[in-house]
Amino acid sequence: LGATGIIANYWEGKPLFPTEFSWPLVNVLVTAPLLEEFLMRG
């Protein structure tokens, strides 16, 4: 799944990884995967 984002970011000249800390980033990388998966898959 991530490969699609890597290719798109590389093609558009964007960083492959997030480069700055932010609370929305914590939500996207930690809160969403944990809580959404526990609810929807678990």
ModelCIF file with pLDDT and N, C-alpha, C, O atoms, coordinates in Angstrom:
data_MODEL
#
_entry.id   MODEL 
#
_entity.id                         1 
_entity.type                       polymer 
_entity.pdbx_number_of_molecules   1 
#
_entity_poly.entity_id                      1 
_entity_poly.type                           'polypeptide(L)' 
_entity_poly.nstd_linkage                   no 
_entity_poly.nstd_monomer                   no 
_entity_poly.pdbx_seq_one_letter_code       LGATGIIANYWEGKPLFPTEFSWPLVNVLVTAPLLEEFLMRG 
_entity_poly.pdbx_seq_one_letter_code_can   LGATGIIANYWEGKPLFPTEFSWPLVNVLVTAPLLEEFLMRG 
_entity_poly.pdbx_strand_id                 A 
#
loop_
_entity_poly_seq.entity_id 
_entity_poly_seq.num 
_entity_poly_seq.mon_id 
_entity_poly_seq.hetero 
1 1  LEU n 
1 2  GLY n 
1 3  ALA n 
1 4  THR n 
1 5  GLY n 
1 6  ILE n 
1 7  ILE n 
1 8  ALA n 
1 9  ASN n 
1 10 TYR n 
1 11 TRP n 
1 12 GLU n 
1 13 GLY n 
1 14 LYS n 
1 15 PRO n 
1 16 LEU n 
1 17 PHE n 
1 18 PRO n 
1 19 THR n 
1 20 GLU n 
1 21 PHE n 
1 22 SER n 
1 23 TRP n 
1 24 PRO n 
1 25 LEU n 
1 26 VAL n 
1 27 ASN n 
1 28 VAL n 
1 29 LEU n 
1 30 VAL n 
1 31 THR n 
1 32 ALA n 
1 33 PRO n 
1 34 LEU n 
1 35 LEU n 
1 36 GLU n 
1 37 GLU n 
1 38 PHE n 
1 39 LEU n 
1 40 MET n 
1 41 ARG n 
1 42 GLY n 
#
_struct_asym.id          A 
_struct_asym.entity_id   1 
#
loop_
_ma_qa_metric.id 
_ma_qa_metric.mode 
_ma_qa_metric.name 
_ma_qa_metric.software_group_id 
_ma_qa_metric.type 
1 global pLDDT . pLDDT 
2 local  pLDDT . pLDDT 
#
_ma_qa_metric_global.metric_id      1 
_ma_qa_metric_global.metric_value   92.02 
_ma_qa_metric_global.model_id       1 
_ma_qa_metric_global.ordinal_id     1 
#
loop_
_ma_qa_metric_local.label_asym_id 
_ma_qa_metric_local.label_comp_id 
_ma_qa_metric_local.label_seq_id 
_ma_qa_metric_local.metric_id 
_ma_qa_metric_local.metric_value 
_ma_qa_metric_local.model_id 
_ma_qa_metric_local.ordinal_id 
A LEU 1  2 95.00 1 1  
A GLY 2  2 94.00 1 2  
A ALA 3  2 93.00 1 3  
A THR 4  2 90.00 1 4  
A GLY 5  2 89.00 1 5  
A ILE 6  2 90.00 1 6  
A ILE 7  2 90.00 1 7  
A ALA 8  2 87.00 1 8  
A ASN 9  2 86.00 1 9  
A TYR 10 2 86.00 1 10 
A TRP 11 2 89.00 1 11 
A GLU 12 2 88.00 1 12 
A GLY 13 2 86.00 1 13 
A LYS 14 2 87.00 1 14 
A PRO 15 2 87.00 1 15 
A LEU 16 2 83.00 1 16 
A PHE 17 2 82.00 1 17 
A PRO 18 2 86.00 1 18 
A THR 19 2 85.00 1 19 
A GLU 20 2 88.00 1 20 
A PHE 21 2 87.00 1 21 
A SER 22 2 92.00 1 22 
A TRP 23 2 92.00 1 23 
A PRO 24 2 92.00 1 24 
A LEU 25 2 93.00 1 25 
A VAL 26 2 95.00 1 26 
A ASN 27 2 95.00 1 27 
A VAL 28 2 95.00 1 28 
A LEU 29 2 96.00 1 29 
A VAL 30 2 96.00 1 30 
A THR 31 2 97.00 1 31 
A ALA 32 2 96.00 1 32 
A PRO 33 2 97.00 1 33 
A LEU 34 2 98.00 1 34 
A LEU 35 2 98.00 1 35 
A GLU 36 2 98.00 1 36 
A GLU 37 2 98.00 1 37 
A PHE 38 2 98.00 1 38 
A LEU 39 2 98.00 1 39 
A MET 40 2 98.00 1 40 
A ARG 41 2 98.00 1 41 
A GLY 42 2 97.00 1 42 
#
loop_
_atom_site.group_PDB 
_atom_site.id 
_atom_site.type_symbol 
_atom_site.label_atom_id 
_atom_site.label_alt_id 
_atom_site.label_comp_id 
_atom_site.label_asym_id 
_atom_site.label_entity_id 
_atom_site.label_seq_id 
_atom_site.pdbx_PDB_ins_code 
_atom_site.Cartn_x 
_atom_site.Cartn_y 
_atom_site.Cartn_z 
_atom_site.occupancy 
_atom_site.B_iso_or_equiv 
_atom_site.pdbx_formal_charge 
_atom_site.auth_seq_id 
_atom_site.auth_comp_id 
_atom_site.auth_asym_id 
_atom_site.auth_atom_id 
_atom_site.pdbx_PDB_model_num 
ATOM 1   N N  . LEU A 1 1  ? 0.830   -1.208 0.000  1.00 95.00 ? 1  LEU A N  1 
ATOM 2   C CA . LEU A 1 1  ? 0.000   0.000  0.000  1.00 95.00 ? 1  LEU A CA 1 
ATOM 3   C C  . LEU A 1 1  ? 0.864   1.257  0.000  1.00 95.00 ? 1  LEU A C  1 
ATOM 4   O O  . LEU A 1 1  ? 0.597   2.212  -0.729 1.00 95.00 ? 1  LEU A O  1 
ATOM 5   N N  . GLY A 1 2  ? 1.908   1.238  0.833  1.00 94.00 ? 2  GLY A N  1 
ATOM 6   C CA . GLY A 1 2  ? 2.772   2.409  0.943  1.00 94.00 ? 2  GLY A CA 1 
ATOM 7   C C  . GLY A 1 2  ? 3.527   2.718  -0.328 1.00 94.00 ? 2  GLY A C  1 
ATOM 8   O O  . GLY A 1 2  ? 3.891   3.869  -0.572 1.00 94.00 ? 2  GLY A O  1 
ATOM 9   N N  . ALA A 1 3  ? 3.768   1.695  -1.148 1.00 93.00 ? 3  ALA A N  1 
ATOM 10  C CA . ALA A 1 3  ? 4.514   1.898  -2.389 1.00 93.00 ? 3  ALA A CA 1 
ATOM 11  C C  . ALA A 1 3  ? 3.820   2.900  -3.307 1.00 93.00 ? 3  ALA A C  1 
ATOM 12  O O  . ALA A 1 3  ? 4.480   3.659  -4.017 1.00 93.00 ? 3  ALA A O  1 
ATOM 13  N N  . THR A 1 4  ? 2.498   2.900  -3.293 1.00 90.00 ? 4  THR A N  1 
ATOM 14  C CA . THR A 1 4  ? 1.779   3.870  -4.141 1.00 90.00 ? 4  THR A CA 1 
ATOM 15  C C  . THR A 1 4  ? 2.074   5.289  -3.699 1.00 90.00 ? 4  THR A C  1 
ATOM 16  O O  . THR A 1 4  ? 2.254   6.181  -4.528 1.00 90.00 ? 4  THR A O  1 
ATOM 17  N N  . GLY A 1 5  ? 2.123   5.502  -2.368 1.00 89.00 ? 5  GLY A N  1 
ATOM 18  C CA . GLY A 1 5  ? 2.452   6.829  -1.861 1.00 89.00 ? 5  GLY A CA 1 
ATOM 19  C C  . GLY A 1 5  ? 3.902   7.197  -2.104 1.00 89.00 ? 5  GLY A C  1 
ATOM 20  O O  . GLY A 1 5  ? 4.212   8.348  -2.408 1.00 89.00 ? 5  GLY A O  1 
ATOM 21  N N  . ILE A 1 6  ? 4.799   6.215  -1.969 1.00 90.00 ? 6  ILE A N  1 
ATOM 22  C CA . ILE A 1 6  ? 6.225   6.469  -2.213 1.00 90.00 ? 6  ILE A CA 1 
ATOM 23  C C  . ILE A 1 6  ? 6.451   6.908  -3.658 1.00 90.00 ? 6  ILE A C  1 
ATOM 24  O O  . ILE A 1 6  ? 7.165   7.877  -3.915 1.00 90.00 ? 6  ILE A O  1 
ATOM 25  N N  . ILE A 1 7  ? 5.848   6.197  -4.586 1.00 90.00 ? 7  ILE A N  1 
ATOM 26  C CA . ILE A 1 7  ? 6.004   6.530  -6.012 1.00 90.00 ? 7  ILE A CA 1 
ATOM 27  C C  . ILE A 1 7  ? 5.436   7.912  -6.308 1.00 90.00 ? 7  ILE A C  1 
ATOM 28  O O  . ILE A 1 7  ? 6.046   8.712  -7.017 1.00 90.00 ? 7  ILE A O  1 
ATOM 29  N N  . ALA A 1 8  ? 4.242   8.182  -5.744 1.00 87.00 ? 8  ALA A N  1 
ATOM 30  C CA . ALA A 1 8  ? 3.609   9.491  -5.992 1.00 87.00 ? 8  ALA A CA 1 
ATOM 31  C C  . ALA A 1 8  ? 4.443   10.622 -5.405 1.00 87.00 ? 8  ALA A C  1 
ATOM 32  O O  . ALA A 1 8  ? 4.640   11.650 -6.053 1.00 87.00 ? 8  ALA A O  1 
ATOM 33  N N  . ASN A 1 9  ? 4.938   10.437 -4.170 1.00 86.00 ? 9  ASN A N  1 
ATOM 34  C CA . ASN A 1 9  ? 5.749   11.486 -3.538 1.00 86.00 ? 9  ASN A CA 1 
ATOM 35  C C  . ASN A 1 9  ? 7.058   11.701 -4.291 1.00 86.00 ? 9  ASN A C  1 
ATOM 36  O O  . ASN A 1 9  ? 7.496   12.836 -4.475 1.00 86.00 ? 9  ASN A O  1 
ATOM 37  N N  . TYR A 1 10 ? 7.679   10.606 -4.726 1.00 86.00 ? 10 TYR A N  1 
ATOM 38  C CA . TYR A 1 10 ? 8.932   10.731 -5.469 1.00 86.00 ? 10 TYR A CA 1 
ATOM 39  C C  . TYR A 1 10 ? 8.698   11.442 -6.797 1.00 86.00 ? 10 TYR A C  1 
ATOM 40  O O  . TYR A 1 10 ? 9.486   12.302 -7.192 1.00 86.00 ? 10 TYR A O  1 
ATOM 41  N N  . TRP A 1 11 ? 7.639   11.092 -7.472 1.00 89.00 ? 11 TRP A N  1 
ATOM 42  C CA . TRP A 1 11 ? 7.336   11.688 -8.771 1.00 89.00 ? 11 TRP A CA 1 
ATOM 43  C C  . TRP A 1 11 ? 7.067   13.187 -8.658 1.00 89.00 ? 11 TRP A C  1 
ATOM 44  O O  . TRP A 1 11 ? 7.413   13.965 -9.548 1.00 89.00 ? 11 TRP A O  1 
ATOM 45  N N  . GLU A 1 12 ? 6.434   13.580 -7.532 1.00 88.00 ? 12 GLU A N  1 
ATOM 46  C CA . GLU A 1 12 ? 6.084   14.988 -7.334 1.00 88.00 ? 12 GLU A CA 1 
ATOM 47  C C  . GLU A 1 12 ? 7.176   15.763 -6.595 1.00 88.00 ? 12 GLU A C  1 
ATOM 48  O O  . GLU A 1 12 ? 7.017   16.951 -6.314 1.00 88.00 ? 12 GLU A O  1 
ATOM 49  N N  . GLY A 1 13 ? 8.279   15.091 -6.283 1.00 86.00 ? 13 GLY A N  1 
ATOM 50  C CA . GLY A 1 13 ? 9.389   15.762 -5.611 1.00 86.00 ? 13 GLY A CA 1 
ATOM 51  C C  . GLY A 1 13 ? 9.133   16.068 -4.151 1.00 86.00 ? 13 GLY A C  1 
ATOM 52  O O  . GLY A 1 13 ? 9.752   16.974 -3.592 1.00 86.00 ? 13 GLY A O  1 
ATOM 53  N N  . LYS A 1 14 ? 8.229   15.324 -3.518 1.00 87.00 ? 14 LYS A N  1 
ATOM 54  C CA . LYS A 1 14 ? 7.907   15.541 -2.110 1.00 87.00 ? 14 LYS A CA 1 
ATOM 55  C C  . LYS A 1 14 ? 8.745   14.594 -1.243 1.00 87.00 ? 14 LYS A C  1 
ATOM 56  O O  . LYS A 1 14 ? 9.230   13.574 -1.734 1.00 87.00 ? 14 LYS A O  1 
ATOM 57  N N  . PRO A 1 15 ? 8.916   14.925 0.042  1.00 87.00 ? 15 PRO A N  1 
ATOM 58  C CA . PRO A 1 15 ? 9.633   14.013 0.947  1.00 87.00 ? 15 PRO A CA 1 
ATOM 59  C C  . PRO A 1 15 ? 8.905   12.670 1.046  1.00 87.00 ? 15 PRO A C  1 
ATOM 60  O O  . PRO A 1 15 ? 7.675   12.623 1.026  1.00 87.00 ? 15 PRO A O  1 
ATOM 61  N N  . LEU A 1 16 ? 9.663   11.591 1.151  1.00 83.00 ? 16 LEU A N  1 
ATOM 62  C CA . LEU A 1 16 ? 9.052   10.269 1.249  1.00 83.00 ? 16 LEU A CA 1 
ATOM 63  C C  . LEU A 1 16 ? 8.461   10.019 2.625  1.00 83.00 ? 16 LEU A C  1 
ATOM 64  O O  . LEU A 1 16 ? 7.519   9.241  2.773  1.00 83.00 ? 16 LEU A O  1 
ATOM 65  N N  . PHE A 1 17 ? 9.026   10.691 3.647  1.00 82.00 ? 17 PHE A N  1 
ATOM 66  C CA . PHE A 1 17 ? 8.556   10.554 5.018  1.00 82.00 ? 17 PHE A CA 1 
ATOM 67  C C  . PHE A 1 17 ? 8.122   11.918 5.548  1.00 82.00 ? 17 PHE A C  1 
ATOM 68  O O  . PHE A 1 17 ? 8.566   12.948 5.041  1.00 82.00 ? 17 PHE A O  1 
ATOM 69  N N  . PRO A 1 18 ? 7.257   11.934 6.565  1.00 86.00 ? 18 PRO A N  1 
ATOM 70  C CA . PRO A 1 18 ? 6.960   13.205 7.246  1.00 86.00 ? 18 PRO A CA 1 
ATOM 71  C C  . PRO A 1 18 ? 8.237   13.774 7.850  1.00 86.00 ? 18 PRO A C  1 
ATOM 72  O O  . PRO A 1 18 ? 9.038   13.038 8.427  1.00 86.00 ? 18 PRO A O  1 
ATOM 73  N N  . THR A 1 19 ? 8.422   15.063 7.720  1.00 85.00 ? 19 THR A N  1 
ATOM 74  C CA . THR A 1 19 ? 9.667   15.682 8.170  1.00 85.00 ? 19 THR A CA 1 
ATOM 75  C C  . THR A 1 19 ? 9.505   16.549 9.409  1.00 85.00 ? 19 THR A C  1 
ATOM 76  O O  . THR A 1 19 ? 10.501  16.988 9.984  1.00 85.00 ? 19 THR A O  1 
ATOM 77  N N  . GLU A 1 20 ? 8.270   16.806 9.835  1.00 88.00 ? 20 GLU A N  1 
ATOM 78  C CA . GLU A 1 20 ? 8.033   17.654 11.000 1.00 88.00 ? 20 GLU A CA 1 
ATOM 79  C C  . GLU A 1 20 ? 7.005   17.007 11.917 1.00 88.00 ? 20 GLU A C  1 
ATOM 80  O O  . GLU A 1 20 ? 6.047   16.384 11.461 1.00 88.00 ? 20 GLU A O  1 
ATOM 81  N N  . PHE A 1 21 ? 7.224   17.166 13.221 1.00 87.00 ? 21 PHE A N  1 
ATOM 82  C CA . PHE A 1 21 ? 6.256   16.644 14.190 1.00 87.00 ? 21 PHE A CA 1 
ATOM 83  C C  . PHE A 1 21 ? 5.018   17.530 14.222 1.00 87.00 ? 21 PHE A C  1 
ATOM 84  O O  . PHE A 1 21 ? 5.110   18.755 14.134 1.00 87.00 ? 21 PHE A O  1 
ATOM 85  N N  . SER A 1 22 ? 3.865   16.894 14.350 1.00 92.00 ? 22 SER A N  1 
ATOM 86  C CA . SER A 1 22 ? 2.609   17.612 14.569 1.00 92.00 ? 22 SER A CA 1 
ATOM 87  C C  . SER A 1 22 ? 1.628   16.667 15.232 1.00 92.00 ? 22 SER A C  1 
ATOM 88  O O  . SER A 1 22 ? 1.759   15.449 15.116 1.00 92.00 ? 22 SER A O  1 
ATOM 89  N N  . TRP A 1 23 ? 0.649   17.219 15.925 1.00 92.00 ? 23 TRP A N  1 
ATOM 90  C CA . TRP A 1 23 ? -0.358  16.377 16.556 1.00 92.00 ? 23 TRP A CA 1 
ATOM 91  C C  . TRP A 1 23 ? -1.219  15.642 15.532 1.00 92.00 ? 23 TRP A C  1 
ATOM 92  O O  . TRP A 1 23 ? -1.567  14.483 15.756 1.00 92.00 ? 23 TRP A O  1 
ATOM 93  N N  . PRO A 1 24 ? -1.571  16.280 14.416 1.00 92.00 ? 24 PRO A N  1 
ATOM 94  C CA . PRO A 1 24 ? -2.275  15.504 13.378 1.00 92.00 ? 24 PRO A CA 1 
ATOM 95  C C  . PRO A 1 24 ? -1.458  14.308 12.890 1.00 92.00 ? 24 PRO A C  1 
ATOM 96  O O  . PRO A 1 24 ? -2.022  13.271 12.545 1.00 92.00 ? 24 PRO A O  1 
ATOM 97  N N  . LEU A 1 25 ? -0.127  14.450 12.860 1.00 93.00 ? 25 LEU A N  1 
ATOM 98  C CA . LEU A 1 25 ? 0.729   13.339 12.448 1.00 93.00 ? 25 LEU A CA 1 
ATOM 99  C C  . LEU A 1 25 ? 0.635   12.184 13.450 1.00 93.00 ? 25 LEU A C  1 
ATOM 100 O O  . LEU A 1 25 ? 0.593   11.020 13.053 1.00 93.00 ? 25 LEU A O  1 
ATOM 101 N N  . VAL A 1 26 ? 0.601   12.508 14.750 1.00 95.00 ? 26 VAL A N  1 
ATOM 102 C CA . VAL A 1 26 ? 0.437   11.472 15.779 1.00 95.00 ? 26 VAL A CA 1 
ATOM 103 C C  . VAL A 1 26 ? -0.887  10.740 15.577 1.00 95.00 ? 26 VAL A C  1 
ATOM 104 O O  . VAL A 1 26 ? -0.968  9.520  15.716 1.00 95.00 ? 26 VAL A O  1 
ATOM 105 N N  . ASN A 1 27 ? -1.907  11.502 15.251 1.00 95.00 ? 27 ASN A N  1 
ATOM 106 C CA . ASN A 1 27 ? -3.216  10.889 15.006 1.00 95.00 ? 27 ASN A CA 1 
ATOM 107 C C  . ASN A 1 27 ? -3.161  9.935  13.815 1.00 95.00 ? 27 ASN A C  1 
ATOM 108 O O  . ASN A 1 27 ? -3.686  8.823  13.873 1.00 95.00 ? 27 ASN A O  1 
ATOM 109 N N  . VAL A 1 28 ? -2.520  10.380 12.739 1.00 95.00 ? 28 VAL A N  1 
ATOM 110 C CA . VAL A 1 28 ? -2.471  9.587  11.506 1.00 95.00 ? 28 VAL A CA 1 
ATOM 111 C C  . VAL A 1 28 ? -1.634  8.329  11.672 1.00 95.00 ? 28 VAL A C  1 
ATOM 112 O O  . VAL A 1 28 ? -1.988  7.274  11.145 1.00 95.00 ? 28 VAL A O  1 
ATOM 113 N N  . LEU A 1 29 ? -0.522  8.431  12.404 1.00 96.00 ? 29 LEU A N  1 
ATOM 114 C CA . LEU A 1 29 ? 0.419   7.309  12.494 1.00 96.00 ? 29 LEU A CA 1 
ATOM 115 C C  . LEU A 1 29 ? 0.201   6.403  13.704 1.00 96.00 ? 29 LEU A C  1 
ATOM 116 O O  . LEU A 1 29 ? 0.613   5.243  13.685 1.00 96.00 ? 29 LEU A O  1 
ATOM 117 N N  . VAL A 1 30 ? -0.434  6.907  14.743 1.00 96.00 ? 30 VAL A N  1 
ATOM 118 C CA . VAL A 1 30 ? -0.593  6.115  15.961 1.00 96.00 ? 30 VAL A CA 1 
ATOM 119 C C  . VAL A 1 30 ? -2.065  5.871  16.299 1.00 96.00 ? 30 VAL A C  1 
ATOM 120 O O  . VAL A 1 30 ? -2.522  4.729  16.343 1.00 96.00 ? 30 VAL A O  1 
ATOM 121 N N  . THR A 1 31 ? -2.790  6.952  16.535 1.00 97.00 ? 31 THR A N  1 
ATOM 122 C CA . THR A 1 31 ? -4.170  6.812  16.999 1.00 97.00 ? 31 THR A CA 1 
ATOM 123 C C  . THR A 1 31 ? -5.053  6.105  15.978 1.00 97.00 ? 31 THR A C  1 
ATOM 124 O O  . THR A 1 31 ? -5.759  5.155  16.317 1.00 97.00 ? 31 THR A O  1 
ATOM 125 N N  . ALA A 1 32 ? -5.016  6.565  14.729 1.00 96.00 ? 32 ALA A N  1 
ATOM 126 C CA . ALA A 1 32 ? -5.890  5.982  13.708 1.00 96.00 ? 32 ALA A CA 1 
ATOM 127 C C  . ALA A 1 32 ? -5.620  4.496  13.475 1.00 96.00 ? 32 ALA A C  1 
ATOM 128 O O  . ALA A 1 32 ? -6.563  3.706  13.504 1.00 96.00 ? 32 ALA A O  1 
ATOM 129 N N  . PRO A 1 33 ? -4.370  4.084  13.245 1.00 97.00 ? 33 PRO A N  1 
ATOM 130 C CA . PRO A 1 33 ? -4.128  2.651  13.040 1.00 97.00 ? 33 PRO A CA 1 
ATOM 131 C C  . PRO A 1 33 ? -4.576  1.788  14.219 1.00 97.00 ? 33 PRO A C  1 
ATOM 132 O O  . PRO A 1 33 ? -5.181  0.735  14.016 1.00 97.00 ? 33 PRO A O  1 
ATOM 133 N N  . LEU A 1 34 ? -4.290  2.219  15.442 1.00 98.00 ? 34 LEU A N  1 
ATOM 134 C CA . LEU A 1 34 ? -4.635  1.417  16.612 1.00 98.00 ? 34 LEU A CA 1 
ATOM 135 C C  . LEU A 1 34 ? -6.144  1.344  16.831 1.00 98.00 ? 34 LEU A C  1 
ATOM 136 O O  . LEU A 1 34 ? -6.710  0.256  16.937 1.00 98.00 ? 34 LEU A O  1 
ATOM 137 N N  . LEU A 1 35 ? -6.789  2.500  16.897 1.00 98.00 ? 35 LEU A N  1 
ATOM 138 C CA . LEU A 1 35 ? -8.195  2.531  17.270 1.00 98.00 ? 35 LEU A CA 1 
ATOM 139 C C  . LEU A 1 35 ? -9.114  2.100  16.133 1.00 98.00 ? 35 LEU A C  1 
ATOM 140 O O  . LEU A 1 35 ? -10.090 1.386  16.364 1.00 98.00 ? 35 LEU A O  1 
ATOM 141 N N  . GLU A 1 36 ? -8.814  2.525  14.910 1.00 98.00 ? 36 GLU A N  1 
ATOM 142 C CA . GLU A 1 36 ? -9.653  2.124  13.782 1.00 98.00 ? 36 GLU A CA 1 
ATOM 143 C C  . GLU A 1 36 ? -9.572  0.619  13.539 1.00 98.00 ? 36 GLU A C  1 
ATOM 144 O O  . GLU A 1 36 ? -10.583 -0.020 13.250 1.00 98.00 ? 36 GLU A O  1 
ATOM 145 N N  . GLU A 1 37 ? -8.378  0.057  13.656 1.00 98.00 ? 37 GLU A N  1 
ATOM 146 C CA . GLU A 1 37 ? -8.244  -1.379 13.418 1.00 98.00 ? 37 GLU A CA 1 
ATOM 147 C C  . GLU A 1 37 ? -8.886  -2.206 14.527 1.00 98.00 ? 37 GLU A C  1 
ATOM 148 O O  . GLU A 1 37 ? -9.481  -3.250 14.260 1.00 98.00 ? 37 GLU A O  1 
ATOM 149 N N  . PHE A 1 38 ? -8.768  -1.746 15.758 1.00 98.00 ? 38 PHE A N  1 
ATOM 150 C CA . PHE A 1 38 ? -9.408  -2.473 16.857 1.00 98.00 ? 38 PHE A CA 1 
ATOM 151 C C  . PHE A 1 38 ? -10.920 -2.503 16.664 1.00 98.00 ? 38 PHE A C  1 
ATOM 152 O O  . PHE A 1 38 ? -11.561 -3.532 16.881 1.00 98.00 ? 38 PHE A O  1 
ATOM 153 N N  . LEU A 1 39 ? -11.481 -1.376 16.258 1.00 98.00 ? 39 LEU A N  1 
ATOM 154 C CA . LEU A 1 39 ? -12.926 -1.318 16.020 1.00 98.00 ? 39 LEU A CA 1 
ATOM 155 C C  . LEU A 1 39 ? -13.327 -2.103 14.783 1.00 98.00 ? 39 LEU A C  1 
ATOM 156 O O  . LEU A 1 39 ? -14.171 -2.996 14.856 1.00 98.00 ? 39 LEU A O  1 
ATOM 157 N N  . MET A 1 40 ? -12.720 -1.770 13.635 1.00 98.00 ? 40 MET A N  1 
ATOM 158 C CA . MET A 1 40 ? -13.235 -2.270 12.360 1.00 98.00 ? 40 MET A CA 1 
ATOM 159 C C  . MET A 1 40 ? -12.781 -3.697 12.038 1.00 98.00 ? 40 MET A C  1 
ATOM 160 O O  . MET A 1 40 ? -13.572 -4.478 11.511 1.00 98.00 ? 40 MET A O  1 
ATOM 161 N N  . ARG A 1 41 ? -11.555 -4.049 12.335 1.00 98.00 ? 41 ARG A N  1 
ATOM 162 C CA . ARG A 1 41 ? -11.100 -5.393 12.042 1.00 98.00 ? 41 ARG A CA 1 
ATOM 163 C C  . ARG A 1 41 ? -11.260 -6.298 13.274 1.00 98.00 ? 41 ARG A C  1 
ATOM 164 O O  . ARG A 1 41 ? -11.771 -7.412 13.164 1.00 98.00 ? 41 ARG A O  1 
ATOM 165 N N  . GLY A 1 42 ? -10.823 -5.816 14.445 1.00 97.00 ? 42 GLY A N  1 
ATOM 166 C CA . GLY A 1 42 ? -10.884 -6.653 15.631 1.00 97.00 ? 42 GLY A CA 1 
ATOM 167 C C  . GLY A 1 42 ? -12.294 -6.971 16.078 1.00 97.00 ? 42 GLY A C  1 
ATOM 168 O O  . GLY A 1 42 ? -12.483 -7.673 17.072 1.00 97.00 ? 42 GLY A O  1 
#
